[in-house]
Amino acid sequence: MTRDETIDRAYEAWTRRDLDALLSLTHPESEARPILGANIGTGIYRGHEGLRDWMRDLHGEWETFETRVTDVDERGQRSLCTIQVRARGRASGAAIEGEMYHLLEFREALIWRLEAFLDRDAAVQALGAT
């Protein structure tokens, strides 16, 4: 499976809320630094158990949360994904739509690290860092 296929399948699984499919594409020692985690006091989710916690937290706050990859910029073992997000808050019913950026790093052909950004310039700068 190519890296682009891994990325596409991971975000499709995320939108379908298919945790088993998402875990199959994620390294067991993965690390995620999502934007949502910063909002609820959890800065980093680690490993498959952390991914389960993140998805539980995410879907606890959002009635719907759909993602679509619109662009990928690859550099070595890193990929910067532009993500189109559509979501509706569970309690408020408020709808959001916009872009965010996920910097992914790969290990053993699996997603190993994810760091989320709202600012494209900051994401591009992080992609260029070694």
Protein backbone atom coordinates (compact mmCIF):
# COMPACT_ATOMS: atom_id res chain seq x y z
CA MET A 1 0.00 0.00 0.00
CA THR A 2 1.35 3.44 -0.90
CA ARG A 3 1.57 6.25 1.62
CA ASP A 4 -1.22 8.14 -0.20
CA GLU A 5 -3.44 5.05 0.05
CA THR A 6 -2.68 4.76 3.76
CA ILE A 7 -3.61 8.41 4.28
CA ASP A 8 -6.83 8.13 2.27
CA ARG A 9 -7.90 4.94 4.06
CA ALA A 10 -7.12 6.40 7.48
CA TYR A 11 -9.23 9.52 6.96
CA GLU A 12 -12.04 7.52 5.39
CA ALA A 13 -12.00 5.23 8.44
CA TRP A 14 -12.00 8.28 10.74
CA THR A 15 -15.11 9.69 9.04
CA ARG A 16 -16.86 6.28 9.18
CA ARG A 17 -15.85 5.97 12.84
CA ASP A 18 -14.25 2.62 11.97
CA LEU A 19 -11.73 2.38 14.79
CA ASP A 20 -10.49 -1.10 13.82
CA ALA A 21 -9.62 0.09 10.30
CA LEU A 22 -7.91 3.19 11.70
CA LEU A 23 -5.88 1.15 14.19
CA SER A 24 -4.70 -1.15 11.38
CA LEU A 25 -3.10 1.87 9.68
CA THR A 26 -1.54 3.29 12.85
CA HIS A 27 1.73 2.25 14.48
CA PRO A 28 1.25 0.68 17.95
CA GLU A 29 3.63 3.31 19.41
CA SER A 30 1.87 6.21 17.69
CA GLU A 31 1.53 9.72 19.07
CA ALA A 32 -1.19 12.23 18.22
CA ARG A 33 -1.23 15.93 19.09
CA PRO A 34 -4.68 16.98 17.92
CA ILE A 35 -6.27 20.39 18.19
CA LEU A 36 -9.17 18.88 20.14
CA GLY A 37 -6.80 17.50 22.74
CA ALA A 38 -5.56 21.00 23.52
CA ASN A 39 -9.14 22.12 24.08
CA ILE A 40 -9.94 19.45 26.66
CA GLY A 41 -6.65 19.37 28.51
CA THR A 42 -5.09 16.36 26.78
CA GLY A 43 -2.14 17.44 24.71
CA ILE A 44 -0.93 14.04 23.51
CA TYR A 45 -2.60 10.69 22.87
CA ARG A 46 -0.15 7.76 22.78
CA GLY A 47 -0.43 4.29 21.25
CA HIS A 48 -3.53 2.44 20.17
CA GLU A 49 -5.16 2.99 23.56
CA GLY A 50 -4.55 6.72 23.18
CA LEU A 51 -6.13 6.64 19.74
CA ARG A 52 -9.20 4.95 21.22
CA ASP A 53 -9.35 7.68 23.89
CA TRP A 54 -9.00 10.44 21.28
CA MET A 55 -11.81 9.04 19.16
CA ARG A 56 -14.02 8.67 22.25
CA ASP A 57 -13.27 12.28 23.25
CA LEU A 58 -13.81 13.55 19.71
CA HIS A 59 -17.12 11.80 19.18
CA GLY A 60 -18.27 12.75 22.66
CA GLU A 61 -18.01 16.42 21.67
CA TRP A 62 -19.11 16.21 18.03
CA GLU A 63 -22.29 14.63 16.72
CA THR A 64 -20.73 14.48 13.27
CA PHE A 65 -17.08 14.95 12.34
CA GLU A 66 -16.20 14.38 8.68
CA THR A 67 -12.74 14.72 7.19
CA ARG A 68 -11.54 14.76 3.60
CA VAL A 69 -7.92 15.05 2.47
CA THR A 70 -7.65 17.72 -0.22
CA ASP A 71 -3.86 17.95 -0.60
CA VAL A 72 -0.73 16.07 0.49
CA ASP A 73 2.83 17.43 0.46
CA GLU A 74 5.41 14.70 1.12
CA ARG A 75 8.96 15.15 2.36
CA GLY A 76 10.86 12.02 3.35
CA GLN A 77 8.91 10.13 6.01
CA ARG A 78 6.60 13.11 6.59
CA SER A 79 3.39 14.19 4.88
CA LEU A 80 1.52 17.44 5.36
CA CYS A 81 -2.18 16.85 4.74
CA THR A 82 -4.67 19.61 4.12
CA ILE A 83 -7.90 18.40 5.67
CA GLN A 84 -11.38 19.70 4.90
CA VAL A 85 -13.48 19.34 8.05
CA ARG A 86 -17.26 19.43 8.48
CA ALA A 87 -18.64 18.90 11.95
CA ARG A 88 -21.65 19.54 14.18
CA GLY A 89 -21.37 20.00 17.93
CA ARG A 90 -23.19 17.41 20.00
CA ALA A 91 -24.46 19.77 22.72
CA SER A 92 -24.68 23.06 20.82
CA GLY A 93 -25.65 21.81 17.37
CA ALA A 94 -23.24 24.41 15.99
CA ALA A 95 -21.84 23.54 12.57
CA ILE A 96 -18.27 24.20 11.53
CA GLU A 97 -16.59 23.85 8.18
CA GLY A 98 -13.02 24.69 7.32
CA GLU A 99 -9.48 23.54 6.80
CA MET A 100 -6.90 22.22 9.18
CA TYR A 101 -3.53 20.67 8.60
CA HIS A 102 -2.14 17.37 9.86
CA LEU A 103 1.57 16.71 9.78
CA LEU A 104 1.97 12.93 9.65
CA GLU A 105 5.15 10.93 10.19
CA PHE A 106 5.45 7.30 9.18
CA ARG A 107 7.26 4.35 10.70
CA GLU A 108 7.18 0.85 9.21
CA ALA A 109 4.66 2.09 6.59
CA LEU A 110 2.18 3.05 9.34
CA ILE A 111 1.11 6.43 10.68
CA TRP A 112 3.36 6.99 13.68
CA ARG A 113 2.88 10.64 14.59
CA LEU A 114 0.17 13.23 13.94
CA GLU A 115 0.38 16.91 14.81
CA ALA A 116 -2.56 19.18 14.02
CA PHE A 117 -2.41 22.84 12.99
CA LEU A 118 -4.99 25.50 12.19
CA ASP A 119 -2.38 27.78 10.61
CA ARG A 120 -0.99 26.65 7.25
CA ASP A 121 2.26 28.62 7.59
CA ALA A 122 3.01 26.97 10.95
CA ALA A 123 2.24 23.54 9.44
CA VAL A 124 4.53 24.17 6.46
CA GLN A 125 7.29 25.36 8.79
CA ALA A 126 6.91 22.19 10.88
CA LEU A 127 7.07 20.07 7.71
CA GLY A 128 10.41 21.67 6.83
CA ALA A 129 11.89 21.13 10.30
CA THR A 130 14.10 18.11 10.78
